Every structure is written in C-alpha cells, then in structure tokens.
Amino acid sequence: MLVSQILKSKSDDGIVMVEPEASVSEAASLLAARRIGAVVVSSNGKTALGILSERDIVRELAKSGPDCLRTPIASIMTAEIVGCGLSDTSDGVLAAMTAGRFRHMPVVEAGEMVGLISIGDVVKAQLSELEMEKTALEDMIKGF
C-alpha cells in the first residue's frame, strides 16, 4: 500500500504543529487534548524542524525534572527526522520506523509537509491489505 492511500484513509484533522518557542507544557497539553503521540515542530507551517513526542517529554522529565515543562520545545525535540513521500510503500515506511525506533513520520512532497503518519496508521493499512488478499484468495478457492 502507498503512503498516499494511507493518508486518504485517515480522518482529515490536518497536521498538528507547534512553534519551536512553545513550552513543553503547552505541547504536553496539546498532546493530551488531541489524544495523539507527537506534534510536528514548525515555524512556517510547511516544513518540519523536528518532532516532539511523548517519549521526548518523558526522557527530558527523567533527566531534568519538572522544570523542563517551562523550556522551549526546540531544546528537547527530535531534530533529525526521517520523512517519506506519497509514493513510498507501507513496507518501506514500516521498515524505516522499526530500524529507527520511532513511531511518527512526516510525509513530504516538493519540500513541503503534506501529512504525518504513525506506526498505527501503517499497521492498520497493512492489516486492511492482508484482509483484502485473504478475501480474494477465499473467493478464488470458492470459485467466485
């Protein structure tokens, strides 16, 4: 399955972005309110400077304590992000996420972000594809 198909199957909530100057506390509140695991850090709404995930916040809390909640997101975000394109496959994306041990990937076309997919989105797409293949094989066996 292609990344473009995965994006089409998601609800159209858009990409949740925060500015790099926002506090970690603001980002944590946004994550909780939206029930999501990561936000894209962007100063212009088009390109990703980084990603801030729940894991980033927990690591910083363990390292610095609750004072980190007042620090800017830019100081703890994951700045080295791996992206994908609309024509990439779910297999390739899943392999990259597994190898890099991350769960969110920006989708970039022509230098601008067009979406964000999570490992949950990719797994859901692969399960859907497997179900369709199973149904097709069963129909073929039954002679439909």
Protein backbone atom coordinates (compact mmCIF):
# COMPACT_ATOMS: atom_id res chain seq x y z
CA MET A 1 0.00 0.00 0.00
CA LEU A 2 1.23 3.50 -0.79
CA VAL A 3 1.62 6.33 1.72
CA SER A 4 -0.86 8.37 -0.35
CA GLN A 5 -3.51 5.69 0.27
CA ILE A 6 -2.74 5.64 3.99
CA LEU A 7 -3.21 9.41 4.21
CA LYS A 8 -6.53 9.22 2.36
CA SER A 9 -7.83 6.66 4.85
CA LYS A 10 -7.04 8.89 7.86
CA SER A 11 -9.52 11.36 9.25
CA ASP A 12 -8.69 14.80 7.93
CA ASP A 13 -7.61 16.54 11.14
CA GLY A 14 -4.61 18.03 9.39
CA ILE A 15 -1.11 18.10 10.76
CA VAL A 16 -0.85 19.17 14.37
CA MET A 17 2.03 21.64 14.55
CA VAL A 18 3.62 23.75 17.25
CA GLU A 19 6.18 26.54 17.07
CA PRO A 20 9.68 25.80 18.37
CA GLU A 21 9.34 28.54 21.01
CA ALA A 22 6.27 26.95 22.62
CA SER A 23 6.84 25.39 26.02
CA VAL A 24 7.00 21.68 26.66
CA SER A 25 4.00 22.12 28.96
CA GLU A 26 1.94 23.64 26.11
CA ALA A 27 2.89 20.76 23.84
CA ALA A 28 2.03 18.17 26.51
CA SER A 29 -1.39 19.78 26.95
CA LEU A 30 -1.96 19.68 23.18
CA LEU A 31 -0.93 16.01 23.01
CA ALA A 32 -3.34 15.16 25.81
CA ALA A 33 -6.22 17.22 24.40
CA ARG A 34 -5.88 15.76 20.89
CA ARG A 35 -5.07 12.24 22.17
CA ILE A 36 -2.01 11.99 19.93
CA GLY A 37 1.55 10.84 20.49
CA ALA A 38 3.54 13.53 18.69
CA VAL A 39 3.42 17.00 17.20
CA VAL A 40 5.42 18.46 14.35
CA VAL A 41 7.60 21.42 15.22
CA SER A 42 7.47 24.06 12.51
CA SER A 43 7.98 27.79 12.35
CA ASN A 44 6.29 28.28 8.98
CA GLY A 45 3.62 25.54 8.88
CA LYS A 46 5.18 23.96 5.78
CA THR A 47 8.49 22.40 6.77
CA ALA A 48 9.29 20.29 9.81
CA LEU A 49 12.11 21.45 12.07
CA GLY A 50 11.56 18.44 14.28
CA ILE A 51 9.07 16.23 16.04
CA LEU A 52 8.19 16.29 19.71
CA SER A 53 6.81 13.01 21.01
CA GLU A 54 5.61 11.75 24.35
CA ARG A 55 8.88 9.83 24.56
CA ASP A 56 10.90 13.04 24.18
CA ILE A 57 8.97 14.63 27.05
CA VAL A 58 9.35 11.59 29.31
CA ARG A 59 13.11 11.39 28.64
CA GLU A 60 13.54 15.07 29.50
CA LEU A 61 11.40 14.75 32.64
CA ALA A 62 13.60 11.87 33.82
CA LYS A 63 16.74 13.88 33.05
CA SER A 64 15.80 17.39 34.21
CA GLY A 65 12.70 17.03 36.35
CA PRO A 66 9.52 19.08 36.14
CA ASP A 67 11.38 22.32 35.36
CA CYS A 68 11.69 21.09 31.78
CA LEU A 69 7.98 21.82 31.29
CA ARG A 70 8.84 25.52 31.03
CA THR A 71 11.58 25.03 28.45
CA PRO A 72 11.07 25.64 24.73
CA ILE A 73 10.18 22.63 22.62
CA ALA A 74 13.18 23.27 20.35
CA SER A 75 15.53 22.27 23.16
CA ILE A 76 14.16 18.73 23.51
CA MET A 77 12.54 17.90 20.15
CA THR A 78 13.92 15.22 17.87
CA ALA A 79 15.60 17.34 15.20
CA GLU A 80 16.90 14.55 12.98
CA ILE A 81 13.68 13.31 11.45
CA VAL A 82 13.14 10.80 8.70
CA GLY A 83 10.39 11.56 6.22
CA CYS A 84 8.71 9.75 3.37
CA GLY A 85 6.89 10.62 0.16
CA LEU A 86 3.41 9.90 -1.12
CA SER A 87 4.71 7.18 -3.44
CA ASP A 88 6.59 5.28 -0.72
CA THR A 89 5.20 1.91 0.34
CA SER A 90 3.91 0.90 3.73
CA ASP A 91 6.55 -1.86 3.84
CA GLY A 92 9.35 0.68 3.36
CA VAL A 93 7.91 3.08 5.91
CA LEU A 94 7.42 0.31 8.47
CA ALA A 95 10.99 -0.89 7.95
CA ALA A 96 12.34 2.64 8.44
CA MET A 97 10.25 3.17 11.58
CA THR A 98 11.36 -0.15 13.03
CA ALA A 99 15.04 0.41 12.23
CA GLY A 100 14.98 3.97 13.58
CA ARG A 101 12.81 3.09 16.59
CA PHE A 102 10.36 5.94 16.01
CA ARG A 103 6.59 5.97 15.58
CA HIS A 104 5.80 9.10 13.53
CA MET A 105 6.92 10.12 10.06
CA PRO A 106 6.24 13.32 8.13
CA VAL A 107 5.07 12.90 4.54
CA VAL A 108 6.87 15.40 2.32
CA GLU A 109 6.25 16.31 -1.31
CA ALA A 110 8.10 19.08 -3.18
CA GLY A 111 9.79 20.16 0.05
CA GLU A 112 6.56 20.71 1.99
CA MET A 113 4.79 18.55 4.55
CA VAL A 114 1.54 17.11 3.29
CA GLY A 115 0.79 14.75 6.16
CA LEU A 116 2.01 12.79 9.14
CA ILE A 117 1.63 9.05 9.55
CA SER A 118 2.09 6.94 12.64
CA ILE A 119 3.13 3.36 13.01
CA GLY A 120 -0.50 2.66 13.94
CA ASP A 121 -1.64 4.07 10.59
CA VAL A 122 0.82 1.85 8.75
CA VAL A 123 -0.10 -1.30 10.69
CA LYS A 124 -3.82 -0.61 10.13
CA ALA A 125 -3.18 -0.22 6.38
CA GLN A 126 -1.21 -3.45 6.22
CA LEU A 127 -3.89 -5.36 8.11
CA SER A 128 -6.52 -4.00 5.72
CA GLU A 129 -4.42 -5.09 2.75
CA LEU A 130 -3.97 -8.58 4.23
CA GLU A 131 -7.72 -8.87 4.79
CA MET A 132 -8.43 -7.94 1.15
CA GLU A 133 -5.88 -10.52 -0.06
CA LYS A 134 -7.40 -13.16 2.21
CA THR A 135 -10.89 -12.44 0.90
CA ALA A 136 -9.69 -12.56 -2.72
CA LEU A 137 -7.98 -15.92 -2.13
CA GLU A 138 -11.05 -17.35 -0.40
CA ASP A 139 -13.27 -16.19 -3.29
CA MET A 140 -10.87 -17.70 -5.78
CA ILE A 141 -10.90 -21.03 -3.94
CA LYS A 142 -14.72 -20.98 -3.73
CA GLY A 143 -14.91 -20.24 -7.44
CA PHE A 144 -16.41 -16.71 -7.29
